[in-house]
Protein backbone atom coordinates (compact mmCIF):
# COMPACT_ATOMS: atom_id res chain seq x y z
CA MET A 1 -133.18 -71.75 114.74
CA ARG A 2 -134.92 -68.17 115.82
CA PRO A 3 -138.09 -66.82 116.08
CA ALA A 4 -140.23 -64.71 113.21
CA PRO A 5 -139.54 -61.35 114.62
CA CYS A 6 -143.11 -59.98 115.68
CA PRO A 7 -144.13 -57.48 112.69
CA ASN A 8 -145.54 -55.04 115.51
CA PRO A 9 -143.50 -55.10 118.80
CA PRO A 10 -145.40 -54.30 122.07
CA GLY A 11 -146.31 -50.51 122.72
CA ALA A 12 -146.00 -49.36 119.17
CA GLY A 13 -149.48 -48.90 119.13
CA PRO A 14 -152.05 -49.05 115.84
CA TRP A 15 -150.02 -46.37 113.55
CA SER A 16 -147.14 -48.99 112.97
CA ILE A 17 -149.15 -50.99 110.66
CA PRO A 18 -149.17 -49.73 107.37
CA LEU A 19 -153.03 -50.78 106.71
CA VAL A 20 -154.03 -48.29 109.48
CA ARG A 21 -151.97 -45.41 108.36
CA HIS A 22 -153.44 -45.67 104.74
CA LEU A 23 -157.04 -46.22 105.43
CA ALA A 24 -156.41 -42.99 107.72
CA VAL A 25 -155.44 -41.11 104.90
CA ILE A 26 -157.91 -42.20 102.55
CA VAL A 27 -160.54 -41.21 105.16
CA ALA A 28 -159.04 -37.57 105.43
CA LEU A 29 -159.43 -36.86 102.17
CA LYS A 30 -162.30 -38.12 101.65
CA LEU A 31 -163.48 -35.69 104.46
CA MET A 32 -161.55 -32.63 103.22
CA PHE A 33 -163.26 -33.87 99.86
CA LEU A 34 -166.94 -33.84 101.57
CA PHE A 35 -166.15 -30.40 103.29
CA LEU A 36 -164.88 -28.88 100.18
CA LEU A 37 -168.39 -29.67 98.57
CA TRP A 38 -170.54 -28.18 101.39
CA PHE A 39 -168.34 -24.84 101.09
CA LEU A 40 -168.77 -24.92 97.62
CA PHE A 41 -172.35 -25.42 96.98
CA PHE A 42 -174.49 -25.98 100.61
CA ARG A 43 -173.90 -22.84 102.31
CA LEU A 44 -176.52 -19.98 103.07
CA PRO A 45 -176.13 -17.32 100.53
CA ASP A 46 -175.31 -13.74 101.79
CA GLY A 47 -177.64 -11.88 103.26
CA VAL A 48 -180.33 -14.77 104.51
CA PRO A 49 -181.12 -14.26 108.23
CA ARG A 50 -180.51 -16.75 110.77
CA PRO A 51 -183.09 -19.60 110.90
CA GLY A 52 -183.67 -18.54 114.85
CA ILE A 53 -184.53 -15.05 114.03
CA ASP A 54 -188.56 -16.08 112.00
CA VAL A 55 -188.95 -17.98 115.33
CA HIS A 56 -187.84 -15.46 117.76
CA ARG A 57 -190.23 -12.77 115.90
CA HIS A 58 -193.43 -15.18 115.54
CA ILE A 59 -193.07 -16.19 119.30
CA ALA A 60 -191.98 -12.90 120.86
CA GLY A 61 -193.05 -10.23 118.12
CA PRO A 62 -191.09 -7.60 116.89
CA ALA A 63 -188.85 -5.56 119.02
CA GLY A 64 -189.79 -2.55 120.15
CA SER A 65 -188.35 0.51 121.06
CA ALA A 66 -187.00 0.99 124.53
CA HIS A 67 -189.21 4.07 126.62
CA THR A 68 -187.66 6.07 129.14
CA LEU A 69 -189.48 8.10 131.39
CA ASP A 70 -188.51 11.87 131.16
CA LYS A 71 -188.42 13.69 135.04
CA ASN A 72 -191.97 15.50 134.44
CA GLU A 73 -193.48 12.13 133.01
CA VAL A 74 -195.49 10.22 135.58
CA ARG A 75 -195.92 6.79 134.98
CA PRO A 76 -199.32 5.36 133.99
């Protein structure tokens, strides 16, 4: 009597198991669905400043204009 064949030969990897392939497809579909929901409903609207800009303005103050000295100006 011959032994039953091994369902997963050594070195075949986890993708040879149908359950693993099925679960991977389900996880991929759920992730695509969640990203679709986020893209449709949870993005920042256009025209909203980046979140870090307000913190930078609060700490460093508003950006000033650069002042260059002319040839006849003297530094104070």
